[in-house]
Amino acid sequence: MDGPPKPIATPCIKVCVVDGESGLCMGCFRTLAEVAGWSALDADERDRIITDLPHRLSRVRPEKLAMFGRA
């Protein structure tokens, strides 16, 4: 292997608060299982999840999104 490993792409914005209703992180909109297993996923699976994240906004009530500046 030449040099250090490539960094893993992540949607994390360091706002790690899980919404109890949806089960999604209010920062990145991943589930706890996705966050915990992120480094074990292959690049294609991470890309699939990242592509899906904007669609998950509808699973969180607007007033909660507004609290985190995500509305």
PDB file of N, CA and C in Angstrom:
ATOM      1  N   MET A   1       0.848  -1.182   0.000  1.00  0.00           N
ATOM      2  CA  MET A   1       0.000   0.000   0.000  1.00  0.00           C
ATOM      3  C   MET A   1       0.887   1.236   0.000  1.00  0.00           C
ATOM      4  N   ASP A   2       0.563   2.184  -0.849  1.00  0.00           N
ATOM      5  CA  ASP A   2       1.337   3.415  -0.948  1.00  0.00           C
ATOM      6  C   ASP A   2       0.669   4.529  -0.162  1.00  0.00           C
ATOM      7  N   GLY A   3       1.345   5.024   0.854  1.00  0.00           N
ATOM      8  CA  GLY A   3       0.839   6.143   1.632  1.00  0.00           C
ATOM      9  C   GLY A   3      -0.310   5.760   2.541  1.00  0.00           C
ATOM     10  N   PRO A   4      -0.871   6.770   3.183  1.00  0.00           N
ATOM     11  CA  PRO A   4      -1.978   6.517   4.121  1.00  0.00           C
ATOM     12  C   PRO A   4      -3.250   6.143   3.362  1.00  0.00           C
ATOM     13  N   PRO A   5      -4.177   5.457   4.052  1.00  0.00           N
ATOM     14  CA  PRO A   5      -5.437   5.098   3.388  1.00  0.00           C
ATOM     15  C   PRO A   5      -6.258   6.339   3.048  1.00  0.00           C
ATOM     16  N   LYS A   6      -7.072   6.214   2.019  1.00  0.00           N
ATOM     17  CA  LYS A   6      -7.967   7.305   1.616  1.00  0.00           C
ATOM     18  C   LYS A   6      -9.010   7.533   2.702  1.00  0.00           C
ATOM     19  N   PRO A   7      -9.342   8.791   2.998  1.00  0.00           N
ATOM     20  CA  PRO A   7     -10.400   9.037   3.986  1.00  0.00           C
ATOM     21  C   PRO A   7     -11.744   8.527   3.474  1.00  0.00           C
ATOM     22  N   ILE A   8     -12.582   8.102   4.397  1.00  0.00           N
ATOM     23  CA  ILE A   8     -13.910   7.614   4.054  1.00  0.00           C
ATOM     24  C   ILE A   8     -14.860   8.809   3.952  1.00  0.00           C
ATOM     25  N   ALA A   9     -15.591   8.898   2.854  1.00  0.00           N
ATOM     26  CA  ALA A   9     -16.589   9.957   2.685  1.00  0.00           C
ATOM     27  C   ALA A   9     -17.658   9.800   3.762  1.00  0.00           C
ATOM     28  N   THR A  10     -18.059  10.912   4.354  1.00  0.00           N
ATOM     29  CA  THR A  10     -19.089  10.876   5.390  1.00  0.00           C
ATOM     30  C   THR A  10     -19.948  12.136   5.323  1.00  0.00           C
ATOM     31  N   PRO A  11     -21.239  12.020   5.600  1.00  0.00           N
ATOM     32  CA  PRO A  11     -22.108  13.197   5.630  1.00  0.00           C
ATOM     33  C   PRO A  11     -22.121  13.875   7.000  1.00  0.00           C
ATOM     34  N   CYS A  12     -21.321  13.397   7.936  1.00  0.00           N
ATOM     35  CA  CYS A  12     -21.324  13.919   9.302  1.00  0.00           C
ATOM     36  C   CYS A  12     -20.967  15.401   9.324  1.00  0.00           C
ATOM     37  N   ILE A  13     -21.781  16.198  10.047  1.00  0.00           N
ATOM     38  CA  ILE A  13     -21.482  17.621  10.238  1.00  0.00           C
ATOM     39  C   ILE A  13     -21.253  17.925  11.714  1.00  0.00           C
ATOM     40  N   LYS A  14     -21.041  16.888  12.492  1.00  0.00           N
ATOM     41  CA  LYS A  14     -20.736  16.991  13.927  1.00  0.00           C
ATOM     42  C   LYS A  14     -21.879  17.604  14.739  1.00  0.00           C
ATOM     43  N   VAL A  15     -23.116  17.319  14.314  1.00  0.00           N
ATOM     44  CA  VAL A  15     -24.321  17.632  15.085  1.00  0.00           C
ATOM     45  C   VAL A  15     -24.954  16.275  15.369  1.00  0.00           C
ATOM     46  N   CYS A  16     -24.543  15.665  16.469  1.00  0.00           N
ATOM     47  CA  CYS A  16     -24.933  14.279  16.753  1.00  0.00           C
ATOM     48  C   CYS A  16     -26.047  14.228  17.784  1.00  0.00           C
ATOM     49  N   VAL A  17     -27.266  14.459  17.311  1.00  0.00           N
ATOM     50  CA  VAL A  17     -28.464  14.407  18.138  1.00  0.00           C
ATOM     51  C   VAL A  17     -29.468  13.545  17.393  1.00  0.00           C
ATOM     52  N   VAL A  18     -29.931  12.486  18.042  1.00  0.00           N
ATOM     53  CA  VAL A  18     -30.864  11.580  17.382  1.00  0.00           C
ATOM     54  C   VAL A  18     -32.299  11.962  17.719  1.00  0.00           C
ATOM     55  N   ASP A  19     -33.119  12.104  16.693  1.00  0.00           N
ATOM     56  CA  ASP A  19     -34.547  12.373  16.849  1.00  0.00           C
ATOM     57  C   ASP A  19     -35.233  11.063  17.232  1.00  0.00           C
ATOM     58  N   GLY A  20     -35.871  11.047  18.374  1.00  0.00           N
ATOM     59  CA  GLY A  20     -36.504   9.835  18.878  1.00  0.00           C
ATOM     60  C   GLY A  20     -37.626   9.317  18.002  1.00  0.00           C
ATOM     61  N   GLU A  21     -38.348  10.196  17.352  1.00  0.00           N
ATOM     62  CA  GLU A  21     -39.471   9.767  16.512  1.00  0.00           C
ATOM     63  C   GLU A  21     -39.012   9.072  15.236  1.00  0.00           C
ATOM     64  N   SER A  22     -38.077   9.681  14.552  1.00  0.00           N
ATOM     65  CA  SER A  22     -37.641   9.133  13.262  1.00  0.00           C
ATOM     66  C   SER A  22     -36.463   8.178  13.401  1.00  0.00           C
ATOM     67  N   GLY A  23     -35.699   8.320  14.478  1.00  0.00           N
ATOM     68  CA  GLY A  23     -34.500   7.512  14.646  1.00  0.00           C
ATOM     69  C   GLY A  23     -33.327   8.012  13.822  1.00  0.00           C
ATOM     70  N   LEU A  24     -33.439   9.241  13.312  1.00  0.00           N
ATOM     71  CA  LEU A  24     -32.391   9.799  12.462  1.00  0.00           C
ATOM     72  C   LEU A  24     -31.556  10.823  13.214  1.00  0.00           C
ATOM     73  N   CYS A  25     -30.277  10.884  12.879  1.00  0.00           N
ATOM     74  CA  CYS A  25     -29.404  11.923  13.405  1.00  0.00           C
ATOM     75  C   CYS A  25     -29.847  13.256  12.799  1.00  0.00           C
ATOM     76  N   MET A  26     -29.969  14.273  13.614  1.00  0.00           N
ATOM     77  CA  MET A  26     -30.410  15.582  13.130  1.00  0.00           C
ATOM     78  C   MET A  26     -29.320  16.314  12.356  1.00  0.00           C
ATOM     79  N   GLY A  27     -28.106  15.829  12.433  1.00  0.00           N
ATOM     80  CA  GLY A  27     -27.017  16.441  11.678  1.00  0.00           C
ATOM     81  C   GLY A  27     -26.880  15.869  10.278  1.00  0.00           C
ATOM     82  N   CYS A  28     -26.874  14.548  10.182  1.00  0.00           N
ATOM     83  CA  CYS A  28     -26.596  13.922   8.888  1.00  0.00           C
ATOM     84  C   CYS A  28     -27.757  13.090   8.345  1.00  0.00           C
ATOM     85  N   PHE A  29     -28.773  12.839   9.163  1.00  0.00           N
ATOM     86  CA  PHE A  29     -29.965  12.081   8.781  1.00  0.00           C
ATOM     87  C   PHE A  29     -29.700  10.593   8.539  1.00  0.00           C
ATOM     88  N   ARG A  30     -28.596  10.094   9.117  1.00  0.00           N
ATOM     89  CA  ARG A  30     -28.374   8.651   9.092  1.00  0.00           C
ATOM     90  C   ARG A  30     -29.004   8.036  10.338  1.00  0.00           C
ATOM     91  N   THR A  31     -29.276   6.733  10.265  1.00  0.00           N
ATOM     92  CA  THR A  31     -29.744   6.003  11.441  1.00  0.00           C
ATOM     93  C   THR A  31     -28.540   5.702  12.332  1.00  0.00           C
ATOM     94  N   LEU A  32     -28.822   5.334  13.586  1.00  0.00           N
ATOM     95  CA  LEU A  32     -27.723   4.964  14.474  1.00  0.00           C
ATOM     96  C   LEU A  32     -26.950   3.768  13.926  1.00  0.00           C
ATOM     97  N   ALA A  33     -27.658   2.807  13.346  1.00  0.00           N
ATOM     98  CA  ALA A  33     -26.992   1.639  12.767  1.00  0.00           C
ATOM     99  C   ALA A  33     -26.072   2.048  11.618  1.00  0.00           C
ATOM    100  N   GLU A  34     -26.518   2.992  10.800  1.00  0.00           N
ATOM    101  CA  GLU A  34     -25.673   3.470   9.698  1.00  0.00           C
ATOM    102  C   GLU A  34     -24.442   4.192  10.222  1.00  0.00           C
ATOM    103  N   VAL A  35     -24.622   5.023  11.224  1.00  0.00           N
ATOM    104  CA  VAL A  35     -23.490   5.746  11.816  1.00  0.00           C
ATOM    105  C   VAL A  35     -22.490   4.745  12.396  1.00  0.00           C
ATOM    106  N   ALA A  36     -22.990   3.798  13.174  1.00  0.00           N
ATOM    107  CA  ALA A  36     -22.122   2.834  13.849  1.00  0.00           C
ATOM    108  C   ALA A  36     -21.366   1.942  12.867  1.00  0.00           C
ATOM    109  N   GLY A  37     -22.001   1.579  11.777  1.00  0.00           N
ATOM    110  CA  GLY A  37     -21.375   0.663  10.833  1.00  0.00           C
ATOM    111  C   GLY A  37     -20.762   1.325   9.616  1.00  0.00           C
ATOM    112  N   TRP A  38     -20.687   2.642   9.619  1.00  0.00           N
ATOM    113  CA  TRP A  38     -20.264   3.404   8.445  1.00  0.00           C
ATOM    114  C   TRP A  38     -18.923   2.932   7.880  1.00  0.00           C
ATOM    115  N   SER A  39     -17.935   2.747   8.724  1.00  0.00           N
ATOM    116  CA  SER A  39     -16.606   2.374   8.226  1.00  0.00           C
ATOM    117  C   SER A  39     -16.575   0.959   7.652  1.00  0.00           C
ATOM    118  N   ALA A  40     -17.536   0.125   8.006  1.00  0.00           N
ATOM    119  CA  ALA A  40     -17.574  -1.239   7.495  1.00  0.00           C
ATOM    120  C   ALA A  40     -18.308  -1.350   6.161  1.00  0.00           C
ATOM    121  N   LEU A  41     -19.045  -0.312   5.782  1.00  0.00           N
ATOM    122  CA  LEU A  41     -19.774  -0.339   4.513  1.00  0.00           C
ATOM    123  C   LEU A  41     -18.812  -0.121   3.358  1.00  0.00           C
ATOM    124  N   ASP A  42     -19.147  -0.673   2.196  1.00  0.00           N
ATOM    125  CA  ASP A  42     -18.308  -0.397   1.034  1.00  0.00           C
ATOM    126  C   ASP A  42     -18.724   0.953   0.438  1.00  0.00           C
ATOM    127  N   ALA A  43     -17.904   1.456  -0.449  1.00  0.00           N
ATOM    128  CA  ALA A  43     -18.123   2.793  -1.022  1.00  0.00           C
ATOM    129  C   ALA A  43     -19.471   2.899  -1.729  1.00  0.00           C
ATOM    130  N   ASP A  44     -19.892   1.852  -2.414  1.00  0.00           N
ATOM    131  CA  ASP A  44     -21.179   1.893  -3.120  1.00  0.00           C
ATOM    132  C   ASP A  44     -22.344   2.032  -2.145  1.00  0.00           C
ATOM    133  N   GLU A  45     -22.292   1.305  -1.036  1.00  0.00           N
ATOM    134  CA  GLU A  45     -23.364   1.384  -0.039  1.00  0.00           C
ATOM    135  C   GLU A  45     -23.365   2.755   0.631  1.00  0.00           C
ATOM    136  N   ARG A  46     -22.194   3.285   0.938  1.00  0.00           N
ATOM    137  CA  ARG A  46     -22.133   4.641   1.517  1.00  0.00           C
ATOM    138  C   ARG A  46     -22.708   5.663   0.542  1.00  0.00           C
ATOM    139  N   ASP A  47     -22.352   5.539  -0.743  1.00  0.00           N
ATOM    140  CA  ASP A  47     -22.886   6.456  -1.765  1.00  0.00           C
ATOM    141  C   ASP A  47     -24.400   6.355  -1.869  1.00  0.00           C
ATOM    142  N   ARG A  48     -24.944   5.127  -1.786  1.00  0.00           N
ATOM    143  CA  ARG A  48     -26.395   4.946  -1.865  1.00  0.00           C
ATOM    144  C   ARG A  48     -27.070   5.658  -0.711  1.00  0.00           C
ATOM    145  N   ILE A  49     -26.521   5.524   0.492  1.00  0.00           N
ATOM    146  CA  ILE A  49     -27.106   6.170   1.672  1.00  0.00           C
ATOM    147  C   ILE A  49     -26.997   7.688   1.548  1.00  0.00           C
ATOM    148  N   ILE A  50     -25.832   8.185   1.155  1.00  0.00           N
ATOM    149  CA  ILE A  50     -25.642   9.632   1.009  1.00  0.00           C
ATOM    150  C   ILE A  50     -26.636  10.202   0.002  1.00  0.00           C
ATOM    151  N   THR A  51     -26.887   9.489  -1.082  1.00  0.00           N
ATOM    152  CA  THR A  51     -27.852   9.941  -2.090  1.00  0.00           C
ATOM    153  C   THR A  51     -29.264   9.995  -1.521  1.00  0.00           C
ATOM    154  N   ASP A  52     -29.585   9.089  -0.606  1.00  0.00           N
ATOM    155  CA  ASP A  52     -30.926   9.010  -0.016  1.00  0.00           C
ATOM    156  C   ASP A  52     -31.168  10.053   1.087  1.00  0.00           C
ATOM    157  N   LEU A  53     -30.107  10.592   1.671  1.00  0.00           N
ATOM    158  CA  LEU A  53     -30.265  11.463   2.842  1.00  0.00           C
ATOM    159  C   LEU A  53     -31.213  12.647   2.635  1.00  0.00           C
ATOM    160  N   PRO A  54     -31.168  13.374   1.530  1.00  0.00           N
ATOM    161  CA  PRO A  54     -32.105  14.504   1.371  1.00  0.00           C
ATOM    162  C   PRO A  54     -33.573  14.074   1.424  1.00  0.00           C
ATOM    163  N   HIS A  55     -33.870  12.859   1.004  1.00  0.00           N
ATOM    164  CA  HIS A  55     -35.245  12.362   1.010  1.00  0.00           C
ATOM    165  C   HIS A  55     -35.732  12.042   2.426  1.00  0.00           C
ATOM    166  N   ARG A  56     -34.822  11.920   3.356  1.00  0.00           N
ATOM    167  CA  ARG A  56     -35.183  11.583   4.734  1.00  0.00           C
ATOM    168  C   ARG A  56     -35.688  12.782   5.528  1.00  0.00           C
ATOM    169  N   LEU A  57     -35.488  13.982   5.017  1.00  0.00           N
ATOM    170  CA  LEU A  57     -35.959  15.187   5.704  1.00  0.00           C
ATOM    171  C   LEU A  57     -37.441  15.102   6.024  1.00  0.00           C
ATOM    172  N   SER A  58     -38.213  14.491   5.161  1.00  0.00           N
ATOM    173  CA  SER A  58     -39.662  14.409   5.352  1.00  0.00           C
ATOM    174  C   SER A  58     -40.040  13.527   6.532  1.00  0.00           C
ATOM    175  N   ARG A  59     -39.096  12.759   7.058  1.00  0.00           N
ATOM    176  CA  ARG A  59     -39.373  11.885   8.203  1.00  0.00           C
ATOM    177  C   ARG A  59     -39.235  12.613   9.538  1.00  0.00           C
ATOM    178  N   VAL A  60     -38.763  13.864   9.495  1.00  0.00           N
ATOM    179  CA  VAL A  60     -38.567  14.652  10.712  1.00  0.00           C
ATOM    180  C   VAL A  60     -39.522  15.841  10.680  1.00  0.00           C
ATOM    181  N   ARG A  61     -40.196  16.080  11.813  1.00  0.00           N
ATOM    182  CA  ARG A  61     -41.145  17.199  11.867  1.00  0.00           C
ATOM    183  C   ARG A  61     -40.423  18.524  11.609  1.00  0.00           C
ATOM    184  N   PRO A  62     -41.056  19.428  10.839  1.00  0.00           N
ATOM    185  CA  PRO A  62     -40.428  20.695  10.458  1.00  0.00           C
ATOM    186  C   PRO A  62     -39.931  21.524  11.647  1.00  0.00           C
ATOM    187  N   GLU A  63     -40.670  21.523  12.752  1.00  0.00           N
ATOM    188  CA  GLU A  63     -40.229  22.328  13.893  1.00  0.00           C
ATOM    189  C   GLU A  63     -38.925  21.792  14.490  1.00  0.00           C
ATOM    190  N   LYS A  64     -38.710  20.498  14.379  1.00  0.00           N
ATOM    191  CA  LYS A  64     -37.441  19.932  14.850  1.00  0.00           C
ATOM    192  C   LYS A  64     -36.307  20.304  13.897  1.00  0.00           C
ATOM    193  N   LEU A  65     -36.578  20.239  12.610  1.00  0.00           N
ATOM    194  CA  LEU A  65     -35.571  20.634  11.631  1.00  0.00           C
ATOM    195  C   LEU A  65     -35.164  22.085  11.849  1.00  0.00           C
ATOM    196  N   ALA A  66     -36.135  22.944  12.137  1.00  0.00           N
ATOM    197  CA  ALA A  66     -35.854  24.358  12.335  1.00  0.00           C
ATOM    198  C   ALA A  66     -34.942  24.593  13.548  1.00  0.00           C
ATOM    199  N   MET A  67     -35.072  23.774  14.563  1.00  0.00           N
ATOM    200  CA  MET A  67     -34.228  23.912  15.755  1.00  0.00           C
ATOM    201  C   MET A  67     -32.756  23.719  15.410  1.00  0.00           C
ATOM    202  N   PHE A  68     -32.485  22.976  14.360  1.00  0.00           N
ATOM    203  CA  PHE A  68     -31.112  22.699  13.958  1.00  0.00           C
ATOM    204  C   PHE A  68     -30.736  23.429  12.671  1.00  0.00           C
ATOM    205  N   GLY A  69     -31.565  24.391  12.284  1.00  0.00           N
ATOM    206  CA  GLY A  69     -31.278  25.171  11.082  1.00  0.00           C
ATOM    207  C   GLY A  69     -31.331  24.342   9.815  1.00  0.00           C
ATOM    208  N   ARG A  70     -32.147  23.299   9.808  1.00  0.00           N
ATOM    209  CA  ARG A  70     -32.184  22.376   8.673  1.00  0.00           C
ATOM    210  C   ARG A  70     -33.485  22.481   7.882  1.00  0.00           C
ATOM    211  N   ALA A  71     -34.342  23.430   8.213  1.00  0.00           N
ATOM    212  CA  ALA A  71     -35.637  23.531   7.525  1.00  0.00           C
ATOM    213  C   ALA A  71     -35.492  24.159   6.163  1.00  0.00           C
TER     214      ALA A  71
END
